[in-house]
Amino acid sequence: MEDIAKACIDLMMADKDIYDEYTEPMCSHINVGSGVECTIGELSAMMARVTGFSGNIEFDSSKPDGTPRKLLDISKLISFGWAPSVSLEVGLRKTYSWYMEHKVSNQ
């Protein structure tokens, strides 16, 4: 959440002329991400480490591959001087930790 919050604040505080320079009308979305590509297998292994899952992770290769690449283009955001400061794994650890502290048990 730290990176997304900082990105939002930086963009809201950006000079309108600079914002307009890096965006287009009707296409002003700006991706926030790490800029580091991660496969589904790598993400699965990372989630297992974060959550302490020790079982087997299985993939069904008979299913379609889906999107060939899953990397957000963060070049617009980088052009504003923003840079990611939290890795995906650290962000997942923080999020999982928060969830575990705040989850409601099923009683």
PDB file of N, CA and C in Angstrom:
ATOM      1  N   MET A   1       0.812  -1.197   0.000  1.00  0.00           N
ATOM      2  CA  MET A   1       0.000   0.000   0.000  1.00  0.00           C
ATOM      3  C   MET A   1       0.855   1.260   0.000  1.00  0.00           C
ATOM      4  N   GLU A   2       2.078   1.162   0.478  1.00  0.00           N
ATOM      5  CA  GLU A   2       2.906   2.358   0.530  1.00  0.00           C
ATOM      6  C   GLU A   2       3.185   2.912  -0.860  1.00  0.00           C
ATOM      7  N   ASP A   3       3.515   2.033  -1.804  1.00  0.00           N
ATOM      8  CA  ASP A   3       3.828   2.492  -3.151  1.00  0.00           C
ATOM      9  C   ASP A   3       2.606   3.083  -3.840  1.00  0.00           C
ATOM     10  N   ILE A   4       1.467   2.430  -3.726  1.00  0.00           N
ATOM     11  CA  ILE A   4       0.264   2.940  -4.396  1.00  0.00           C
ATOM     12  C   ILE A   4      -0.158   4.273  -3.793  1.00  0.00           C
ATOM     13  N   ALA A   5      -0.056   4.402  -2.483  1.00  0.00           N
ATOM     14  CA  ALA A   5      -0.419   5.668  -1.840  1.00  0.00           C
ATOM     15  C   ALA A   5       0.504   6.793  -2.288  1.00  0.00           C
ATOM     16  N   LYS A   6       1.803   6.522  -2.318  1.00  0.00           N
ATOM     17  CA  LYS A   6       2.751   7.545  -2.757  1.00  0.00           C
ATOM     18  C   LYS A   6       2.528   7.904  -4.219  1.00  0.00           C
ATOM     19  N   ALA A   7       2.255   6.907  -5.052  1.00  0.00           N
ATOM     20  CA  ALA A   7       1.993   7.168  -6.466  1.00  0.00           C
ATOM     21  C   ALA A   7       0.768   8.065  -6.631  1.00  0.00           C
ATOM     22  N   CYS A   8      -0.293   7.774  -5.894  1.00  0.00           N
ATOM     23  CA  CYS A   8      -1.508   8.588  -5.975  1.00  0.00           C
ATOM     24  C   CYS A   8      -1.251  10.025  -5.541  1.00  0.00           C
ATOM     25  N   ILE A   9      -0.545  10.186  -4.449  1.00  0.00           N
ATOM     26  CA  ILE A   9      -0.247  11.534  -3.958  1.00  0.00           C
ATOM     27  C   ILE A   9       0.629  12.278  -4.959  1.00  0.00           C
ATOM     28  N   ASP A  10       1.674  11.613  -5.464  1.00  0.00           N
ATOM     29  CA  ASP A  10       2.560  12.255  -6.448  1.00  0.00           C
ATOM     30  C   ASP A  10       1.779  12.701  -7.679  1.00  0.00           C
ATOM     31  N   LEU A  11       0.870  11.858  -8.153  1.00  0.00           N
ATOM     32  CA  LEU A  11       0.089  12.215  -9.341  1.00  0.00           C
ATOM     33  C   LEU A  11      -0.896  13.341  -9.053  1.00  0.00           C
ATOM     34  N   MET A  12      -1.515  13.317  -7.878  1.00  0.00           N
ATOM     35  CA  MET A  12      -2.455  14.392  -7.531  1.00  0.00           C
ATOM     36  C   MET A  12      -1.745  15.727  -7.368  1.00  0.00           C
ATOM     37  N   MET A  13      -0.490  15.679  -6.953  1.00  0.00           N
ATOM     38  CA  MET A  13       0.272  16.907  -6.733  1.00  0.00           C
ATOM     39  C   MET A  13       1.013  17.375  -7.993  1.00  0.00           C
ATOM     40  N   ALA A  14       1.001  16.566  -9.041  1.00  0.00           N
ATOM     41  CA  ALA A  14       1.734  16.903 -10.261  1.00  0.00           C
ATOM     42  C   ALA A  14       1.134  18.131 -10.932  1.00  0.00           C
ATOM     43  N   ASP A  15       1.983  18.919 -11.517  1.00  0.00           N
ATOM     44  CA  ASP A  15       1.555  20.074 -12.295  1.00  0.00           C
ATOM     45  C   ASP A  15       0.703  19.576 -13.463  1.00  0.00           C
ATOM     46  N   LYS A  16      -0.424  20.232 -13.731  1.00  0.00           N
ATOM     47  CA  LYS A  16      -1.334  19.779 -14.781  1.00  0.00           C
ATOM     48  C   LYS A  16      -0.648  19.716 -16.137  1.00  0.00           C
ATOM     49  N   ASP A  17       0.202  20.670 -16.452  1.00  0.00           N
ATOM     50  CA  ASP A  17       0.893  20.650 -17.747  1.00  0.00           C
ATOM     51  C   ASP A  17       1.783  19.416 -17.881  1.00  0.00           C
ATOM     52  N   ILE A  18       2.454  19.052 -16.793  1.00  0.00           N
ATOM     53  CA  ILE A  18       3.312  17.859 -16.822  1.00  0.00           C
ATOM     54  C   ILE A  18       2.440  16.613 -16.948  1.00  0.00           C
ATOM     55  N   TYR A  19       1.347  16.561 -16.197  1.00  0.00           N
ATOM     56  CA  TYR A  19       0.425  15.423 -16.274  1.00  0.00           C
ATOM     57  C   TYR A  19      -0.087  15.264 -17.706  1.00  0.00           C
ATOM     58  N   ASP A  20      -0.514  16.376 -18.299  1.00  0.00           N
ATOM     59  CA  ASP A  20      -1.044  16.328 -19.669  1.00  0.00           C
ATOM     60  C   ASP A  20       0.016  15.892 -20.671  1.00  0.00           C
ATOM     61  N   GLU A  21       1.272  16.231 -20.398  1.00  0.00           N
ATOM     62  CA  GLU A  21       2.362  15.868 -21.297  1.00  0.00           C
ATOM     63  C   GLU A  21       2.539  14.350 -21.382  1.00  0.00           C
ATOM     64  N   TYR A  22       2.293  13.638 -20.289  1.00  0.00           N
ATOM     65  CA  TYR A  22       2.531  12.201 -20.236  1.00  0.00           C
ATOM     66  C   TYR A  22       1.273  11.350 -20.379  1.00  0.00           C
ATOM     67  N   THR A  23       0.126  11.985 -20.540  1.00  0.00           N
ATOM     68  CA  THR A  23      -1.113  11.244 -20.721  1.00  0.00           C
ATOM     69  C   THR A  23      -1.816  11.741 -21.976  1.00  0.00           C
ATOM     70  N   GLU A  24      -2.843  11.032 -22.382  1.00  0.00           N
ATOM     71  CA  GLU A  24      -3.618  11.406 -23.553  1.00  0.00           C
ATOM     72  C   GLU A  24      -5.085  11.482 -23.143  1.00  0.00           C
ATOM     73  N   PRO A  25      -5.857  12.369 -23.778  1.00  0.00           N
ATOM     74  CA  PRO A  25      -7.294  12.396 -23.480  1.00  0.00           C
ATOM     75  C   PRO A  25      -7.900  11.021 -23.737  1.00  0.00           C
ATOM     76  N   MET A  26      -8.786  10.583 -22.888  1.00  0.00           N
ATOM     77  CA  MET A  26      -9.452   9.287 -22.969  1.00  0.00           C
ATOM     78  C   MET A  26      -8.493   8.108 -22.766  1.00  0.00           C
ATOM     79  N   CYS A  27      -7.260   8.390 -22.402  1.00  0.00           N
ATOM     80  CA  CYS A  27      -6.293   7.323 -22.123  1.00  0.00           C
ATOM     81  C   CYS A  27      -5.315   7.853 -21.078  1.00  0.00           C
ATOM     82  N   SER A  28      -5.859   8.266 -19.954  1.00  0.00           N
ATOM     83  CA  SER A  28      -5.020   8.899 -18.936  1.00  0.00           C
ATOM     84  C   SER A  28      -4.689   7.961 -17.787  1.00  0.00           C
ATOM     85  N   HIS A  29      -4.931   6.654 -17.967  1.00  0.00           N
ATOM     86  CA  HIS A  29      -4.614   5.725 -16.883  1.00  0.00           C
ATOM     87  C   HIS A  29      -3.102   5.629 -16.704  1.00  0.00           C
ATOM     88  N   ILE A  30      -2.720   5.413 -15.480  1.00  0.00           N
ATOM     89  CA  ILE A  30      -1.302   5.273 -15.148  1.00  0.00           C
ATOM     90  C   ILE A  30      -1.158   4.042 -14.270  1.00  0.00           C
ATOM     91  N   ASN A  31      -0.383   3.079 -14.758  1.00  0.00           N
ATOM     92  CA  ASN A  31      -0.179   1.831 -14.022  1.00  0.00           C
ATOM     93  C   ASN A  31       0.798   2.042 -12.868  1.00  0.00           C
ATOM     94  N   VAL A  32       0.529   1.350 -11.772  1.00  0.00           N
ATOM     95  CA  VAL A  32       1.441   1.329 -10.638  1.00  0.00           C
ATOM     96  C   VAL A  32       1.863  -0.118 -10.442  1.00  0.00           C
ATOM     97  N   GLY A  33       3.141  -0.360 -10.398  1.00  0.00           N
ATOM     98  CA  GLY A  33       3.636  -1.711 -10.216  1.00  0.00           C
ATOM     99  C   GLY A  33       5.119  -1.675  -9.913  1.00  0.00           C
ATOM    100  N   SER A  34       5.706  -2.841  -9.907  1.00  0.00           N
ATOM    101  CA  SER A  34       7.134  -2.937  -9.586  1.00  0.00           C
ATOM    102  C   SER A  34       8.012  -2.763 -10.811  1.00  0.00           C
ATOM    103  N   GLY A  35       7.449  -3.008 -11.995  1.00  0.00           N
ATOM    104  CA  GLY A  35       8.253  -2.992 -13.201  1.00  0.00           C
ATOM    105  C   GLY A  35       9.049  -4.274 -13.374  1.00  0.00           C
ATOM    106  N   VAL A  36       8.817  -5.244 -12.496  1.00  0.00           N
ATOM    107  CA  VAL A  36       9.526  -6.526 -12.541  1.00  0.00           C
ATOM    108  C   VAL A  36       8.532  -7.603 -12.929  1.00  0.00           C
ATOM    109  N   GLU A  37       8.856  -8.349 -13.971  1.00  0.00           N
ATOM    110  CA  GLU A  37       7.957  -9.409 -14.419  1.00  0.00           C
ATOM    111  C   GLU A  37       8.040 -10.612 -13.487  1.00  0.00           C
ATOM    112  N   CYS A  38       6.902 -11.252 -13.293  1.00  0.00           N
ATOM    113  CA  CYS A  38       6.817 -12.400 -12.400  1.00  0.00           C
ATOM    114  C   CYS A  38       5.892 -13.422 -13.040  1.00  0.00           C
ATOM    115  N   THR A  39       6.352 -14.655 -13.177  1.00  0.00           N
ATOM    116  CA  THR A  39       5.496 -15.698 -13.735  1.00  0.00           C
ATOM    117  C   THR A  39       4.490 -16.157 -12.685  1.00  0.00           C
ATOM    118  N   ILE A  40       3.446 -16.848 -13.150  1.00  0.00           N
ATOM    119  CA  ILE A  40       2.456 -17.394 -12.228  1.00  0.00           C
ATOM    120  C   ILE A  40       3.130 -18.405 -11.296  1.00  0.00           C
ATOM    121  N   GLY A  41       4.069 -19.179 -11.820  1.00  0.00           N
ATOM    122  CA  GLY A  41       4.804 -20.138 -10.993  1.00  0.00           C
ATOM    123  C   GLY A  41       5.607 -19.445  -9.906  1.00  0.00           C
ATOM    124  N   GLU A  42       6.287 -18.363 -10.286  1.00  0.00           N
ATOM    125  CA  GLU A  42       7.065 -17.605  -9.293  1.00  0.00           C
ATOM    126  C   GLU A  42       6.146 -16.983  -8.247  1.00  0.00           C
ATOM    127  N   LEU A  43       5.009 -16.443  -8.699  1.00  0.00           N
ATOM    128  CA  LEU A  43       4.055 -15.848  -7.762  1.00  0.00           C
ATOM    129  C   LEU A  43       3.491 -16.905  -6.826  1.00  0.00           C
ATOM    130  N   SER A  44       3.187 -18.085  -7.359  1.00  0.00           N
ATOM    131  CA  SER A  44       2.671 -19.173  -6.522  1.00  0.00           C
ATOM    132  C   SER A  44       3.679 -19.572  -5.450  1.00  0.00           C
ATOM    133  N   ALA A  45       4.942 -19.703  -5.854  1.00  0.00           N
ATOM    134  CA  ALA A  45       5.988 -20.059  -4.894  1.00  0.00           C
ATOM    135  C   ALA A  45       6.165 -18.964  -3.845  1.00  0.00           C
ATOM    136  N   MET A  46       6.061 -17.722  -4.286  1.00  0.00           N
ATOM    137  CA  MET A  46       6.188 -16.592  -3.358  1.00  0.00           C
ATOM    138  C   MET A  46       5.049 -16.607  -2.341  1.00  0.00           C
ATOM    139  N   MET A  47       3.830 -16.847  -2.810  1.00  0.00           N
ATOM    140  CA  MET A  47       2.681 -16.902  -1.906  1.00  0.00           C
ATOM    141  C   MET A  47       2.827 -18.062  -0.923  1.00  0.00           C
ATOM    142  N   ALA A  48       3.369 -19.180  -1.383  1.00  0.00           N
ATOM    143  CA  ALA A  48       3.593 -20.313  -0.481  1.00  0.00           C
ATOM    144  C   ALA A  48       4.574 -19.923   0.617  1.00  0.00           C
ATOM    145  N   ARG A  49       5.654 -19.236   0.237  1.00  0.00           N
ATOM    146  CA  ARG A  49       6.635 -18.791   1.252  1.00  0.00           C
ATOM    147  C   ARG A  49       5.986 -17.832   2.241  1.00  0.00           C
ATOM    148  N   VAL A  50       5.250 -16.868   1.724  1.00  0.00           N
ATOM    149  CA  VAL A  50       4.631 -15.839   2.569  1.00  0.00           C
ATOM    150  C   VAL A  50       3.643 -16.449   3.556  1.00  0.00           C
ATOM    151  N   THR A  51       2.843 -17.396   3.085  1.00  0.00           N
ATOM    152  CA  THR A  51       1.785 -17.956   3.930  1.00  0.00           C
ATOM    153  C   THR A  51       2.227 -19.186   4.717  1.00  0.00           C
ATOM    154  N   GLY A  52       3.408 -19.714   4.420  1.00  0.00           N
ATOM    155  CA  GLY A  52       3.875 -20.908   5.098  1.00  0.00           C
ATOM    156  C   GLY A  52       3.279 -22.181   4.531  1.00  0.00           C
ATOM    157  N   PHE A  53       2.718 -22.105   3.331  1.00  0.00           N
ATOM    158  CA  PHE A  53       2.126 -23.278   2.685  1.00  0.00           C
ATOM    159  C   PHE A  53       3.237 -24.253   2.305  1.00  0.00           C
ATOM    160  N   SER A  54       3.098 -25.518   2.706  1.00  0.00           N
ATOM    161  CA  SER A  54       4.140 -26.500   2.425  1.00  0.00           C
ATOM    162  C   SER A  54       3.668 -27.613   1.498  1.00  0.00           C
ATOM    163  N   GLY A  55       2.470 -27.471   0.963  1.00  0.00           N
ATOM    164  CA  GLY A  55       1.945 -28.491   0.052  1.00  0.00           C
ATOM    165  C   GLY A  55       2.537 -28.354  -1.340  1.00  0.00           C
ATOM    166  N   ASN A  56       2.064 -29.195  -2.232  1.00  0.00           N
ATOM    167  CA  ASN A  56       2.509 -29.157  -3.621  1.00  0.00           C
ATOM    168  C   ASN A  56       1.672 -28.151  -4.401  1.00  0.00           C
ATOM    169  N   ILE A  57       2.318 -27.416  -5.279  1.00  0.00           N
ATOM    170  CA  ILE A  57       1.619 -26.518  -6.191  1.00  0.00           C
ATOM    171  C   ILE A  57       1.597 -27.222  -7.538  1.00  0.00           C
ATOM    172  N   GLU A  58       0.405 -27.435  -8.066  1.00  0.00           N
ATOM    173  CA  GLU A  58       0.254 -28.144  -9.330  1.00  0.00           C
ATOM    174  C   GLU A  58      -0.309 -27.207 -10.387  1.00  0.00           C
ATOM    175  N   PHE A  59       0.143 -27.394 -11.615  1.00  0.00           N
ATOM    176  CA  PHE A  59      -0.335 -26.605 -12.744  1.00  0.00           C
ATOM    177  C   PHE A  59      -0.975 -27.548 -13.751  1.00  0.00           C
ATOM    178  N   ASP A  60      -2.075 -27.124 -14.337  1.00  0.00           N
ATOM    179  CA  ASP A  60      -2.768 -27.913 -15.342  1.00  0.00           C
ATOM    180  C   ASP A  60      -2.372 -27.377 -16.710  1.00  0.00           C
ATOM    181  N   SER A  61      -1.419 -28.026 -17.350  1.00  0.00           N
ATOM    182  CA  SER A  61      -0.903 -27.552 -18.633  1.00  0.00           C
ATOM    183  C   SER A  61      -1.886 -27.766 -19.784  1.00  0.00           C
ATOM    184  N   SER A  62      -3.027 -28.424 -19.518  1.00  0.00           N
ATOM    185  CA  SER A  62      -4.024 -28.611 -20.578  1.00  0.00           C
ATOM    186  C   SER A  62      -4.896 -27.366 -20.748  1.00  0.00           C
ATOM    187  N   LYS A  63      -4.802 -26.438 -19.808  1.00  0.00           N
ATOM    188  CA  LYS A  63      -5.594 -25.207 -19.885  1.00  0.00           C
ATOM    189  C   LYS A  63      -4.859 -24.169 -20.727  1.00  0.00           C
ATOM    190  N   PRO A  64      -5.608 -23.252 -21.342  1.00  0.00           N
ATOM    191  CA  PRO A  64      -4.950 -22.199 -22.129  1.00  0.00           C
ATOM    192  C   PRO A  64      -3.999 -21.378 -21.257  1.00  0.00           C
ATOM    193  N   ASP A  65      -2.996 -20.841 -21.890  1.00  0.00           N
ATOM    194  CA  ASP A  65      -1.977 -20.066 -21.172  1.00  0.00           C
ATOM    195  C   ASP A  65      -2.480 -18.720 -20.677  1.00  0.00           C
ATOM    196  N   GLY A  66      -3.477 -18.155 -21.311  1.00  0.00           N
ATOM    197  CA  GLY A  66      -3.940 -16.831 -20.914  1.00  0.00           C
ATOM    198  C   GLY A  66      -3.033 -15.756 -21.488  1.00  0.00           C
ATOM    199  N   THR A  67      -2.933 -14.659 -20.808  1.00  0.00           N
ATOM    200  CA  THR A  67      -2.120 -13.548 -21.267  1.00  0.00           C
ATOM    201  C   THR A  67      -0.654 -13.956 -21.268  1.00  0.00           C
ATOM    202  N   PRO A  68       0.040 -13.786 -22.408  1.00  0.00           N
ATOM    203  CA  PRO A  68       1.437 -14.214 -22.479  1.00  0.00           C
ATOM    204  C   PRO A  68       2.349 -13.465 -21.493  1.00  0.00           C
ATOM    205  N   ARG A  69       2.084 -12.180 -21.283  1.00  0.00           N
ATOM    206  CA  ARG A  69       2.910 -11.418 -20.349  1.00  0.00           C
ATOM    207  C   ARG A  69       2.005 -10.711 -19.358  1.00  0.00           C
ATOM    208  N   LYS A  70       2.468 -10.610 -18.133  1.00  0.00           N
ATOM    209  CA  LYS A  70       1.679  -9.980 -17.076  1.00  0.00           C
ATOM    210  C   LYS A  70       2.509  -8.900 -16.396  1.00  0.00           C
ATOM    211  N   LEU A  71       3.041  -8.007 -17.207  1.00  0.00           N
ATOM    212  CA  LEU A  71       3.897  -6.945 -16.690  1.00  0.00           C
ATOM    213  C   LEU A  71       3.275  -5.599 -17.021  1.00  0.00           C
ATOM    214  N   LEU A  72       2.958  -4.825 -15.991  1.00  0.00           N
ATOM    215  CA  LEU A  72       2.410  -3.490 -16.219  1.00  0.00           C
ATOM    216  C   LEU A  72       3.495  -2.555 -16.731  1.00  0.00           C
ATOM    217  N   ASP A  73       3.129  -1.716 -17.682  1.00  0.00           N
ATOM    218  CA  ASP A  73       4.039  -0.688 -18.174  1.00  0.00           C
ATOM    219  C   ASP A  73       3.935   0.507 -17.222  1.00  0.00           C
ATOM    220  N   ILE A  74       4.979   0.730 -16.435  1.00  0.00           N
ATOM    221  CA  ILE A  74       4.954   1.828 -15.460  1.00  0.00           C
ATOM    222  C   ILE A  74       5.776   3.022 -15.933  1.00  0.00           C
ATOM    223  N   SER A  75       6.068   3.077 -17.236  1.00  0.00           N
ATOM    224  CA  SER A  75       6.923   4.147 -17.759  1.00  0.00           C
ATOM    225  C   SER A  75       6.323   5.541 -17.544  1.00  0.00           C
ATOM    226  N   LYS A  76       4.989   5.670 -17.647  1.00  0.00           N
ATOM    227  CA  LYS A  76       4.377   6.985 -17.409  1.00  0.00           C
ATOM    228  C   LYS A  76       4.651   7.443 -15.986  1.00  0.00           C
ATOM    229  N   LEU A  77       4.472   6.545 -15.039  1.00  0.00           N
ATOM    230  CA  LEU A  77       4.680   6.900 -13.637  1.00  0.00           C
ATOM    231  C   LEU A  77       6.146   7.213 -13.356  1.00  0.00           C
ATOM    232  N   ILE A  78       7.038   6.444 -13.960  1.00  0.00           N
ATOM    233  CA  ILE A  78       8.479   6.682 -13.804  1.00  0.00           C
ATOM    234  C   ILE A  78       8.829   8.072 -14.339  1.00  0.00           C
ATOM    235  N   SER A  79       8.155   8.491 -15.415  1.00  0.00           N
ATOM    236  CA  SER A  79       8.441   9.802 -16.003  1.00  0.00           C
ATOM    237  C   SER A  79       8.092  10.942 -15.050  1.00  0.00           C
ATOM    238  N   PHE A  80       7.244  10.674 -14.062  1.00  0.00           N
ATOM    239  CA  PHE A  80       6.910  11.672 -13.043  1.00  0.00           C
ATOM    240  C   PHE A  80       7.938  11.697 -11.919  1.00  0.00           C
ATOM    241  N   GLY A  81       8.921  10.793 -11.979  1.00  0.00           N
ATOM    242  CA  GLY A  81       9.946  10.743 -10.945  1.00  0.00           C
ATOM    243  C   GLY A  81       9.666   9.731  -9.857  1.00  0.00           C
ATOM    244  N   TRP A  82       8.559   8.986  -9.981  1.00  0.00           N
ATOM    245  CA  TRP A  82       8.195   7.973  -8.995  1.00  0.00           C
ATOM    246  C   TRP A  82       9.006   6.711  -9.232  1.00  0.00           C
ATOM    247  N   ALA A  83       9.270   5.976  -8.189  1.00  0.00           N
ATOM    248  CA  ALA A  83       9.933   4.679  -8.305  1.00  0.00           C
ATOM    249  C   ALA A  83       9.379   3.753  -7.226  1.00  0.00           C
ATOM    250  N   PRO A  84       9.221   2.472  -7.555  1.00  0.00           N
ATOM    251  CA  PRO A  84       8.731   1.539  -6.532  1.00  0.00           C
ATOM    252  C   PRO A  84       9.741   1.401  -5.400  1.00  0.00           C
ATOM    253  N   SER A  85       9.239   1.246  -4.189  1.00  0.00           N
ATOM    254  CA  SER A  85      10.143   1.115  -3.042  1.00  0.00           C
ATOM    255  C   SER A  85       9.904  -0.179  -2.268  1.00  0.00           C
ATOM    256  N   VAL A  86       8.808  -0.884  -2.583  1.00  0.00           N
ATOM    257  CA  VAL A  86       8.457  -2.115  -1.884  1.00  0.00           C
ATOM    258  C   VAL A  86       8.393  -3.237  -2.924  1.00  0.00           C
ATOM    259  N   SER A  87       9.143  -4.294  -2.702  1.00  0.00           N
ATOM    260  CA  SER A  87       9.107  -5.424  -3.634  1.00  0.00           C
ATOM    261  C   SER A  87       7.772  -6.145  -3.515  1.00  0.00           C
ATOM    262  N   LEU A  88       7.441  -6.929  -4.529  1.00  0.00           N
ATOM    263  CA  LEU A  88       6.194  -7.687  -4.498  1.00  0.00           C
ATOM    264  C   LEU A  88       6.146  -8.600  -3.277  1.00  0.00           C
ATOM    265  N   GLU A  89       7.233  -9.303  -3.001  1.00  0.00           N
ATOM    266  CA  GLU A  89       7.216 -10.237  -1.867  1.00  0.00           C
ATOM    267  C   GLU A  89       7.059  -9.504  -0.535  1.00  0.00           C
ATOM    268  N   VAL A  90       7.735  -8.395  -0.373  1.00  0.00           N
ATOM    269  CA  VAL A  90       7.591  -7.623   0.871  1.00  0.00           C
ATOM    270  C   VAL A  90       6.159  -7.102   0.995  1.00  0.00           C
ATOM    271  N   GLY A  91       5.597  -6.624  -0.108  1.00  0.00           N
ATOM    272  CA  GLY A  91       4.214  -6.155  -0.089  1.00  0.00           C
ATOM    273  C   GLY A  91       3.238  -7.258   0.256  1.00  0.00           C
ATOM    274  N   LEU A  92       3.465  -8.445  -0.308  1.00  0.00           N
ATOM    275  CA  LEU A  92       2.606  -9.591   0.023  1.00  0.00           C
ATOM    276  C   LEU A  92       2.737  -9.966   1.493  1.00  0.00           C
ATOM    277  N   ARG A  93       3.971  -9.948   2.007  1.00  0.00           N
ATOM    278  CA  ARG A  93       4.182 -10.270   3.427  1.00  0.00           C
ATOM    279  C   ARG A  93       3.443  -9.286   4.323  1.00  0.00           C
ATOM    280  N   LYS A  94       3.550  -8.001   4.014  1.00  0.00           N
ATOM    281  CA  LYS A  94       2.872  -6.983   4.822  1.00  0.00           C
ATOM    282  C   LYS A  94       1.358  -7.145   4.749  1.00  0.00           C
ATOM    283  N   THR A  95       0.846  -7.412   3.542  1.00  0.00           N
ATOM    284  CA  THR A  95      -0.595  -7.577   3.366  1.00  0.00           C
ATOM    285  C   THR A  95      -1.096  -8.817   4.093  1.00  0.00           C
ATOM    286  N   TYR A  96      -0.379  -9.919   3.965  1.00  0.00           N
ATOM    287  CA  TYR A  96      -0.776 -11.160   4.633  1.00  0.00           C
ATOM    288  C   TYR A  96      -0.722 -10.995   6.152  1.00  0.00           C
ATOM    289  N   SER A  97       0.305 -10.337   6.630  1.00  0.00           N
ATOM    290  CA  SER A  97       0.436 -10.092   8.062  1.00  0.00           C
ATOM    291  C   SER A  97      -0.742  -9.255   8.566  1.00  0.00           C
ATOM    292  N   TRP A  98      -1.084  -8.209   7.824  1.00  0.00           N
ATOM    293  CA  TRP A  98      -2.224  -7.365   8.218  1.00  0.00           C
ATOM    294  C   TRP A  98      -3.494  -8.204   8.242  1.00  0.00           C
ATOM    295  N   TYR A  99      -3.686  -9.013   7.205  1.00  0.00           N
ATOM    296  CA  TYR A  99      -4.874  -9.852   7.136  1.00  0.00           C
ATOM    297  C   TYR A  99      -4.955 -10.793   8.340  1.00  0.00           C
ATOM    298  N   MET A 100      -3.862 -11.434   8.663  1.00  0.00           N
ATOM    299  CA  MET A 100      -3.864 -12.383   9.781  1.00  0.00           C
ATOM    300  C   MET A 100      -4.167 -11.686  11.106  1.00  0.00           C
ATOM    301  N   GLU A 101      -3.747 -10.443  11.243  1.00  0.00           N
ATOM    302  CA  GLU A 101      -4.018  -9.688  12.474  1.00  0.00           C
ATOM    303  C   GLU A 101      -5.466  -9.206  12.538  1.00  0.00           C
ATOM    304  N   HIS A 102      -6.133  -9.062  11.399  1.00  0.00           N
ATOM    305  CA  HIS A 102      -7.456  -8.463  11.369  1.00  0.00           C
ATOM    306  C   HIS A 102      -8.568  -9.408  10.914  1.00  0.00           C
ATOM    307  N   LYS A 103      -8.261 -10.624  10.576  1.00  0.00           N
ATOM    308  CA  LYS A 103      -9.302 -11.529  10.089  1.00  0.00           C
ATOM    309  C   LYS A 103     -10.305 -11.838  11.192  1.00  0.00           C
ATOM    310  N   VAL A 104     -11.517 -12.073  10.777  1.00  0.00           N
ATOM    311  CA  VAL A 104     -12.584 -12.427  11.706  1.00  0.00           C
ATOM    312  C   VAL A 104     -12.720 -13.949  11.645  1.00  0.00           C
ATOM    313  N   SER A 105     -12.608 -14.583  12.791  1.00  0.00           N
ATOM    314  CA  SER A 105     -12.718 -16.040  12.803  1.00  0.00           C
ATOM    315  C   SER A 105     -14.165 -16.452  12.598  1.00  0.00           C
ATOM    316  N   ASN A 106     -14.362 -17.602  12.004  1.00  0.00           N
ATOM    317  CA  ASN A 106     -15.697 -18.152  11.796  1.00  0.00           C
ATOM    318  C   ASN A 106     -16.133 -18.910  13.037  1.00  0.00           C
ATOM    319  N   GLN A 107     -16.850 -18.256  13.905  1.00  0.00           N
ATOM    320  CA  GLN A 107     -17.285 -18.894  15.148  1.00  0.00           C
ATOM    321  C   GLN A 107     -18.747 -19.204  15.106  1.00  0.00           C
TER     322      GLN A 107
END
